[in-house]
């Protein structure tokens, strides 16, 4: 591997690894010794890369518009195309439109050869049956998750029973063919999943549950990984 290739690989590793990335992790990613890694960090800084951190602490790449654009190999590009086309085929209308827009923006920013490859990608996605459309504004729901704000809504379960819920929204998951909100339900004092096509009268409150979301979601996702053959049960 040439020095130029190694420095490019180090830039990619700095973007990919959770910051601050330790020297040991970066050295393993790039296949060099830690001594060489420190020299390569200095070399990138000399070329204009803004890299925060130091030995013993870890490194964080501060993206700079003057640096060369992020590039992709052929398999990474196919994966991006497939993922965005899958979103366009499965997501709510607003997110499907965003996926199409992101694909066009990506194509416009790529070098000519890769833009041509993206236009004629090998992989695609098609669904003969789409999930039921949400009966609430999914954009508002996603924003409440990001902002860690408690929400209220009316919910109709599989048996037709209606309840009013107040929950801490954590994430939205596609279970088989249903978009479900994963949340901490304040009424049940436990995790619950709610199908977006059974929700109504969504309201975002002023109550924040920051910084609980990450910890709550981690516990739920660990439990989810241990499950198999499950579908979204609603509540």
C-alpha atoms as a PDB file:
ATOM      1  CA  UNK A   1       0.000   0.000   0.000  1.00  0.00           C
ATOM      2  CA  UNK A   2       1.377   3.410  -0.977  1.00  0.00           C
ATOM      3  CA  UNK A   3       1.655   6.212   1.571  1.00  0.00           C
ATOM      4  CA  UNK A   4      -1.088   8.159  -0.223  1.00  0.00           C
ATOM      5  CA  UNK A   5      -3.439   5.164  -0.037  1.00  0.00           C
ATOM      6  CA  UNK A   6      -2.593   4.690   3.632  1.00  0.00           C
ATOM      7  CA  UNK A   7      -3.360   8.331   4.462  1.00  0.00           C
ATOM      8  CA  UNK A   8      -6.652   8.122   2.573  1.00  0.00           C
ATOM      9  CA  UNK A   9      -7.529   4.943   4.493  1.00  0.00           C
ATOM     10  CA  UNK A  10      -6.724   6.743   7.751  1.00  0.00           C
ATOM     11  CA  UNK A  11      -9.099   9.586   6.803  1.00  0.00           C
ATOM     12  CA  UNK A  12     -11.829   7.031   6.140  1.00  0.00           C
ATOM     13  CA  UNK A  13     -11.158   5.334   9.487  1.00  0.00           C
ATOM     14  CA  UNK A  14     -11.377   8.679  11.312  1.00  0.00           C
ATOM     15  CA  UNK A  15     -14.770   9.269   9.699  1.00  0.00           C
ATOM     16  CA  UNK A  16     -16.027   5.749  10.414  1.00  0.00           C
ATOM     17  CA  UNK A  17     -14.926   5.105  14.001  1.00  0.00           C
ATOM     18  CA  UNK A  18     -16.770   6.624  16.946  1.00  0.00           C
ATOM     19  CA  UNK A  19     -14.753   9.671  18.093  1.00  0.00           C
ATOM     20  CA  UNK A  20     -12.435  10.049  19.778  1.00  0.00           C
ATOM     21  CA  UNK A  21     -10.802   7.094  17.975  1.00  0.00           C
ATOM     22  CA  UNK A  22      -7.852   5.652  19.867  1.00  0.00           C
ATOM     23  CA  UNK A  23      -4.476   5.222  18.231  1.00  0.00           C
ATOM     24  CA  UNK A  24      -4.744   1.456  18.762  1.00  0.00           C
ATOM     25  CA  UNK A  25      -8.088   1.282  16.937  1.00  0.00           C
ATOM     26  CA  UNK A  26      -6.843   3.466  14.078  1.00  0.00           C
ATOM     27  CA  UNK A  27      -3.650   1.446  13.763  1.00  0.00           C
ATOM     28  CA  UNK A  28      -5.665  -1.766  13.571  1.00  0.00           C
ATOM     29  CA  UNK A  29      -8.001  -0.266  10.945  1.00  0.00           C
ATOM     30  CA  UNK A  30      -5.112   0.855   8.751  1.00  0.00           C
ATOM     31  CA  UNK A  31      -2.799  -2.104   9.399  1.00  0.00           C
ATOM     32  CA  UNK A  32       0.167  -0.118  10.704  1.00  0.00           C
ATOM     33  CA  UNK A  33       2.020   0.194  13.988  1.00  0.00           C
ATOM     34  CA  UNK A  34       1.015   2.883  16.452  1.00  0.00           C
ATOM     35  CA  UNK A  35       4.339   4.635  15.823  1.00  0.00           C
ATOM     36  CA  UNK A  36       3.511   4.840  12.097  1.00  0.00           C
ATOM     37  CA  UNK A  37      -0.027   5.904  12.947  1.00  0.00           C
ATOM     38  CA  UNK A  38       1.256   8.901  14.914  1.00  0.00           C
ATOM     39  CA  UNK A  39       3.427   9.920  11.938  1.00  0.00           C
ATOM     40  CA  UNK A  40       0.459   9.576   9.591  1.00  0.00           C
ATOM     41  CA  UNK A  41      -1.695  11.763  11.858  1.00  0.00           C
ATOM     42  CA  UNK A  42       1.027  14.428  11.737  1.00  0.00           C
ATOM     43  CA  UNK A  43       1.213  14.048   7.951  1.00  0.00           C
ATOM     44  CA  UNK A  44      -2.527  14.576   7.555  1.00  0.00           C
ATOM     45  CA  UNK A  45      -2.392  17.620   9.783  1.00  0.00           C
ATOM     46  CA  UNK A  46       0.441  18.957   7.656  1.00  0.00           C
ATOM     47  CA  UNK A  47      -1.742  18.531   4.570  1.00  0.00           C
ATOM     48  CA  UNK A  48      -4.503  20.618   6.145  1.00  0.00           C
ATOM     49  CA  UNK A  49      -6.716  18.071   7.896  1.00  0.00           C
ATOM     50  CA  UNK A  50      -8.103  19.383  11.182  1.00  0.00           C
ATOM     51  CA  UNK A  51      -7.689  16.489  13.627  1.00  0.00           C
ATOM     52  CA  UNK A  52      -8.413  17.136  17.285  1.00  0.00           C
ATOM     53  CA  UNK A  53      -6.846  15.010  20.016  1.00  0.00           C
ATOM     54  CA  UNK A  54      -3.528  13.555  21.098  1.00  0.00           C
ATOM     55  CA  UNK A  55      -1.795  10.283  21.982  1.00  0.00           C
ATOM     56  CA  UNK A  56      -3.425   8.653  24.988  1.00  0.00           C
ATOM     57  CA  UNK A  57      -6.701  10.486  24.446  1.00  0.00           C
ATOM     58  CA  UNK A  58      -7.902   9.692  20.931  1.00  0.00           C
ATOM     59  CA  UNK A  59      -8.493  11.556  17.696  1.00  0.00           C
ATOM     60  CA  UNK A  60     -11.488  13.287  16.125  1.00  0.00           C
ATOM     61  CA  UNK A  61     -11.603  14.486  12.525  1.00  0.00           C
ATOM     62  CA  UNK A  62     -13.102  17.961  12.223  1.00  0.00           C
ATOM     63  CA  UNK A  63     -14.543  17.952   8.698  1.00  0.00           C
ATOM     64  CA  UNK A  64     -13.289  20.798   6.511  1.00  0.00           C
ATOM     65  CA  UNK A  65     -14.918  21.813   3.212  1.00  0.00           C
ATOM     66  CA  UNK A  66     -11.468  22.392   1.716  1.00  0.00           C
ATOM     67  CA  UNK A  67     -10.534  18.707   2.130  1.00  0.00           C
ATOM     68  CA  UNK A  68     -11.085  16.260  -0.757  1.00  0.00           C
ATOM     69  CA  UNK A  69     -14.681  14.887  -0.814  1.00  0.00           C
ATOM     70  CA  UNK A  70     -15.534  11.577   0.748  1.00  0.00           C
ATOM     71  CA  UNK A  71     -15.201   8.788  -1.808  1.00  0.00           C
ATOM     72  CA  UNK A  72     -16.683   5.289  -1.953  1.00  0.00           C
ATOM     73  CA  UNK A  73     -15.528   1.978  -3.340  1.00  0.00           C
ATOM     74  CA  UNK A  74     -17.852   0.037  -5.658  1.00  0.00           C
ATOM     75  CA  UNK A  75     -19.457  -2.089  -2.942  1.00  0.00           C
ATOM     76  CA  UNK A  76     -20.015   0.886  -0.634  1.00  0.00           C
ATOM     77  CA  UNK A  77     -21.722   2.737  -3.471  1.00  0.00           C
ATOM     78  CA  UNK A  78     -24.017  -0.213  -4.235  1.00  0.00           C
ATOM     79  CA  UNK A  79     -24.884  -0.468  -0.534  1.00  0.00           C
ATOM     80  CA  UNK A  80     -25.815   3.225  -0.414  1.00  0.00           C
ATOM     81  CA  UNK A  81     -27.997   2.947  -3.512  1.00  0.00           C
ATOM     82  CA  UNK A  82     -29.760  -0.159  -2.204  1.00  0.00           C
ATOM     83  CA  UNK A  83     -30.340   1.424   1.199  1.00  0.00           C
ATOM     84  CA  UNK A  84     -31.793   4.627  -0.224  1.00  0.00           C
ATOM     85  CA  UNK A  85     -33.995   2.748  -2.687  1.00  0.00           C
ATOM     86  CA  UNK A  86     -35.226   0.516   0.131  1.00  0.00           C
ATOM     87  CA  UNK A  87     -36.147   3.612   2.131  1.00  0.00           C
ATOM     88  CA  UNK A  88     -37.968   5.022  -0.890  1.00  0.00           C
ATOM     89  CA  UNK A  89     -39.916   1.758  -1.201  1.00  0.00           C
ATOM     90  CA  UNK A  90     -40.814   1.353   2.472  1.00  0.00           C
ATOM     91  CA  UNK A  91     -40.818   4.667   4.308  1.00  0.00           C
ATOM     92  CA  UNK A  92     -43.544   7.219   4.906  1.00  0.00           C
ATOM     93  CA  UNK A  93     -43.978   9.728   2.032  1.00  0.00           C
ATOM     94  CA  UNK A  94     -41.779  12.459   3.550  1.00  0.00           C
ATOM     95  CA  UNK A  95     -38.881  10.097   4.208  1.00  0.00           C
ATOM     96  CA  UNK A  96     -39.307   8.397   0.807  1.00  0.00           C
ATOM     97  CA  UNK A  97     -39.011  11.807  -0.879  1.00  0.00           C
ATOM     98  CA  UNK A  98     -35.926  12.562   1.242  1.00  0.00           C
ATOM     99  CA  UNK A  99     -34.309   9.309   0.103  1.00  0.00           C
ATOM    100  CA  UNK A 100     -34.880  10.191  -3.558  1.00  0.00           C
ATOM    101  CA  UNK A 101     -33.491  13.678  -2.951  1.00  0.00           C
ATOM    102  CA  UNK A 102     -30.424  12.281  -1.165  1.00  0.00           C
ATOM    103  CA  UNK A 103     -29.778   9.918  -4.092  1.00  0.00           C
ATOM    104  CA  UNK A 104     -29.833  12.836  -6.546  1.00  0.00           C
ATOM    105  CA  UNK A 105     -27.539  14.921  -4.325  1.00  0.00           C
ATOM    106  CA  UNK A 106     -25.130  12.004  -3.981  1.00  0.00           C
ATOM    107  CA  UNK A 107     -25.019  11.514  -7.739  1.00  0.00           C
ATOM    108  CA  UNK A 108     -24.345  15.225  -8.285  1.00  0.00           C
ATOM    109  CA  UNK A 109     -21.360  15.238  -5.910  1.00  0.00           C
ATOM    110  CA  UNK A 110     -19.640  12.058  -7.083  1.00  0.00           C
ATOM    111  CA  UNK A 111     -16.843  11.882  -9.679  1.00  0.00           C
ATOM    112  CA  UNK A 112     -18.159  11.179 -13.188  1.00  0.00           C
ATOM    113  CA  UNK A 113     -17.315   7.460 -13.174  1.00  0.00           C
ATOM    114  CA  UNK A 114     -19.016   6.825  -9.841  1.00  0.00           C
ATOM    115  CA  UNK A 115     -21.994   9.014 -10.764  1.00  0.00           C
ATOM    116  CA  UNK A 116     -22.461   6.817 -13.833  1.00  0.00           C
ATOM    117  CA  UNK A 117     -22.178   3.700 -11.680  1.00  0.00           C
ATOM    118  CA  UNK A 118     -24.776   5.079  -9.265  1.00  0.00           C
ATOM    119  CA  UNK A 119     -27.129   5.863 -12.158  1.00  0.00           C
ATOM    120  CA  UNK A 120     -26.875   2.262 -13.383  1.00  0.00           C
ATOM    121  CA  UNK A 121     -26.370   0.485 -10.049  1.00  0.00           C
ATOM    122  CA  UNK A 122     -26.652  -3.293 -10.035  1.00  0.00           C
ATOM    123  CA  UNK A 123     -28.779  -3.385  -6.882  1.00  0.00           C
ATOM    124  CA  UNK A 124     -32.284  -2.040  -6.525  1.00  0.00           C
ATOM    125  CA  UNK A 125     -35.315  -2.505  -4.274  1.00  0.00           C
ATOM    126  CA  UNK A 126     -38.958  -3.143  -5.030  1.00  0.00           C
ATOM    127  CA  UNK A 127     -41.866  -4.001  -2.741  1.00  0.00           C
ATOM    128  CA  UNK A 128     -45.175  -5.405  -3.991  1.00  0.00           C
ATOM    129  CA  UNK A 129     -46.823  -4.538  -0.672  1.00  0.00           C
ATOM    130  CA  UNK A 130     -45.899  -1.452   1.303  1.00  0.00           C
ATOM    131  CA  UNK A 131     -46.409  -0.913   5.033  1.00  0.00           C
ATOM    132  CA  UNK A 132     -49.612   0.845   6.041  1.00  0.00           C
ATOM    133  CA  UNK A 133     -49.223   4.621   5.927  1.00  0.00           C
ATOM    134  CA  UNK A 134     -48.868   6.397   9.301  1.00  0.00           C
ATOM    135  CA  UNK A 135     -51.975   8.144  10.585  1.00  0.00           C
ATOM    136  CA  UNK A 136     -49.797  10.774  12.299  1.00  0.00           C
ATOM    137  CA  UNK A 137     -47.082  13.028  10.889  1.00  0.00           C
ATOM    138  CA  UNK A 138     -43.983  10.829  11.002  1.00  0.00           C
ATOM    139  CA  UNK A 139     -41.739  13.874  10.634  1.00  0.00           C
ATOM    140  CA  UNK A 140     -43.074  15.283  13.922  1.00  0.00           C
ATOM    141  CA  UNK A 141     -42.568  11.903  15.564  1.00  0.00           C
ATOM    142  CA  UNK A 142     -38.971  11.633  14.350  1.00  0.00           C
ATOM    143  CA  UNK A 143     -38.255  15.139  15.606  1.00  0.00           C
ATOM    144  CA  UNK A 144     -39.677  14.286  19.038  1.00  0.00           C
ATOM    145  CA  UNK A 145     -37.342  11.268  19.204  1.00  0.00           C
ATOM    146  CA  UNK A 146     -34.339  13.395  18.283  1.00  0.00           C
ATOM    147  CA  UNK A 147     -35.286  16.196  20.673  1.00  0.00           C
ATOM    148  CA  UNK A 148     -36.147  13.739  23.466  1.00  0.00           C
ATOM    149  CA  UNK A 149     -39.576  15.261  24.143  1.00  0.00           C
ATOM    150  CA  UNK A 150     -42.473  13.391  25.745  1.00  0.00           C
ATOM    151  CA  UNK A 151     -45.453  12.959  23.387  1.00  0.00           C
ATOM    152  CA  UNK A 152     -49.189  12.305  23.791  1.00  0.00           C
ATOM    153  CA  UNK A 153     -51.458  10.485  21.358  1.00  0.00           C
ATOM    154  CA  UNK A 154     -54.581   8.367  21.049  1.00  0.00           C
ATOM    155  CA  UNK A 155     -53.973   4.706  20.280  1.00  0.00           C
ATOM    156  CA  UNK A 156     -56.203   1.921  18.964  1.00  0.00           C
ATOM    157  CA  UNK A 157     -54.931  -1.606  19.622  1.00  0.00           C
ATOM    158  CA  UNK A 158     -55.532  -4.754  17.561  1.00  0.00           C
ATOM    159  CA  UNK A 159     -58.799  -5.446  19.403  1.00  0.00           C
ATOM    160  CA  UNK A 160     -60.121  -1.937  18.717  1.00  0.00           C
ATOM    161  CA  UNK A 161     -59.688  -0.677  22.291  1.00  0.00           C
ATOM    162  CA  UNK A 162     -58.708   2.993  22.481  1.00  0.00           C
ATOM    163  CA  UNK A 163     -56.447   4.587  25.077  1.00  0.00           C
ATOM    164  CA  UNK A 164     -54.667   7.902  25.564  1.00  0.00           C
ATOM    165  CA  UNK A 165     -50.916   7.480  25.950  1.00  0.00           C
ATOM    166  CA  UNK A 166     -48.037   9.618  27.139  1.00  0.00           C
ATOM    167  CA  UNK A 167     -44.643   8.179  26.255  1.00  0.00           C
ATOM    168  CA  UNK A 168     -40.946   8.859  25.865  1.00  0.00           C
ATOM    169  CA  UNK A 169     -40.353   8.180  22.124  1.00  0.00           C
ATOM    170  CA  UNK A 170     -37.108   6.320  21.434  1.00  0.00           C
ATOM    171  CA  UNK A 171     -36.978   5.126  17.821  1.00  0.00           C
ATOM    172  CA  UNK A 172     -39.084   4.013  14.874  1.00  0.00           C
ATOM    173  CA  UNK A 173     -38.562   0.434  13.687  1.00  0.00           C
ATOM    174  CA  UNK A 174     -39.910  -1.425  10.671  1.00  0.00           C
ATOM    175  CA  UNK A 175     -41.140  -4.751  12.074  1.00  0.00           C
ATOM    176  CA  UNK A 176     -41.986  -6.997   9.113  1.00  0.00           C
ATOM    177  CA  UNK A 177     -44.590  -4.829   7.370  1.00  0.00           C
ATOM    178  CA  UNK A 178     -45.457  -2.317  10.110  1.00  0.00           C
ATOM    179  CA  UNK A 179     -43.757   0.903  11.136  1.00  0.00           C
ATOM    180  CA  UNK A 180     -43.686   0.947  14.947  1.00  0.00           C
ATOM    181  CA  UNK A 181     -42.712   3.518  17.518  1.00  0.00           C
ATOM    182  CA  UNK A 182     -40.606   2.071  20.313  1.00  0.00           C
ATOM    183  CA  UNK A 183     -41.226   4.086  23.475  1.00  0.00           C
ATOM    184  CA  UNK A 184     -41.156   4.074  27.252  1.00  0.00           C
ATOM    185  CA  UNK A 185     -44.843   4.213  28.175  1.00  0.00           C
ATOM    186  CA  UNK A 186     -45.535   6.332  31.238  1.00  0.00           C
ATOM    187  CA  UNK A 187     -48.892   4.614  31.776  1.00  0.00           C
ATOM    188  CA  UNK A 188     -47.433   1.064  31.693  1.00  0.00           C
ATOM    189  CA  UNK A 189     -44.057   2.074  33.181  1.00  0.00           C
ATOM    190  CA  UNK A 190     -42.374  -0.205  30.647  1.00  0.00           C
ATOM    191  CA  UNK A 191     -41.302  -0.453  27.020  1.00  0.00           C
ATOM    192  CA  UNK A 192     -44.107  -0.572  24.481  1.00  0.00           C
ATOM    193  CA  UNK A 193     -44.341  -0.548  20.680  1.00  0.00           C
ATOM    194  CA  UNK A 194     -47.057   1.359  18.852  1.00  0.00           C
ATOM    195  CA  UNK A 195     -47.974   0.935  15.189  1.00  0.00           C
ATOM    196  CA  UNK A 196     -47.898   4.291  13.455  1.00  0.00           C
ATOM    197  CA  UNK A 197     -51.059   3.447  11.498  1.00  0.00           C
ATOM    198  CA  UNK A 198     -52.981   3.076  14.791  1.00  0.00           C
ATOM    199  CA  UNK A 199     -51.919   6.399  16.307  1.00  0.00           C
ATOM    200  CA  UNK A 200     -53.942   9.617  16.208  1.00  0.00           C
ATOM    201  CA  UNK A 201     -54.012  13.146  17.681  1.00  0.00           C
ATOM    202  CA  UNK A 202     -50.238  13.312  18.163  1.00  0.00           C
ATOM    203  CA  UNK A 203     -48.990  16.174  20.358  1.00  0.00           C
ATOM    204  CA  UNK A 204     -45.438  16.980  21.433  1.00  0.00           C
ATOM    205  CA  UNK A 205     -45.194  18.256  25.006  1.00  0.00           C
ATOM    206  CA  UNK A 206     -42.660  20.630  26.553  1.00  0.00           C
ATOM    207  CA  UNK A 207     -41.417  17.839  28.856  1.00  0.00           C
ATOM    208  CA  UNK A 208     -37.864  16.745  28.070  1.00  0.00           C
ATOM    209  CA  UNK A 209     -36.472  13.344  29.016  1.00  0.00           C
ATOM    210  CA  UNK A 210     -32.915  14.150  27.935  1.00  0.00           C
ATOM    211  CA  UNK A 211     -30.479  12.391  28.373  1.00  0.00           C
ATOM    212  CA  UNK A 212     -32.407   9.147  28.944  1.00  0.00           C
ATOM    213  CA  UNK A 213     -33.045   8.170  25.311  1.00  0.00           C
ATOM    214  CA  UNK A 214     -29.685   6.553  24.514  1.00  0.00           C
ATOM    215  CA  UNK A 215     -29.647   4.390  27.647  1.00  0.00           C
ATOM    216  CA  UNK A 216     -33.298   3.354  27.289  1.00  0.00           C
ATOM    217  CA  UNK A 217     -32.856   2.505  23.628  1.00  0.00           C
ATOM    218  CA  UNK A 218     -29.677   0.516  24.246  1.00  0.00           C
ATOM    219  CA  UNK A 219     -31.457  -1.758  26.726  1.00  0.00           C
ATOM    220  CA  UNK A 220     -34.389  -2.295  24.351  1.00  0.00           C
ATOM    221  CA  UNK A 221     -32.191  -3.039  21.311  1.00  0.00           C
ATOM    222  CA  UNK A 222     -30.131  -5.551  23.282  1.00  0.00           C
ATOM    223  CA  UNK A 223     -33.342  -7.352  24.229  1.00  0.00           C
ATOM    224  CA  UNK A 224     -34.578  -7.149  20.631  1.00  0.00           C
ATOM    225  CA  UNK A 225     -31.428  -8.845  19.328  1.00  0.00           C
ATOM    226  CA  UNK A 226     -32.209 -11.808  21.552  1.00  0.00           C
ATOM    227  CA  UNK A 227     -35.659 -12.200  20.007  1.00  0.00           C
ATOM    228  CA  UNK A 228     -36.382 -14.049  16.779  1.00  0.00           C
ATOM    229  CA  UNK A 229     -39.444 -14.436  14.621  1.00  0.00           C
ATOM    230  CA  UNK A 230     -41.258 -11.608  16.366  1.00  0.00           C
ATOM    231  CA  UNK A 231     -43.566  -9.082  14.726  1.00  0.00           C
ATOM    232  CA  UNK A 232     -44.608  -5.686  15.964  1.00  0.00           C
ATOM    233  CA  UNK A 233     -47.272  -6.434  18.601  1.00  0.00           C
ATOM    234  CA  UNK A 234     -48.489  -2.883  19.091  1.00  0.00           C
ATOM    235  CA  UNK A 235     -49.705  -2.535  22.666  1.00  0.00           C
END
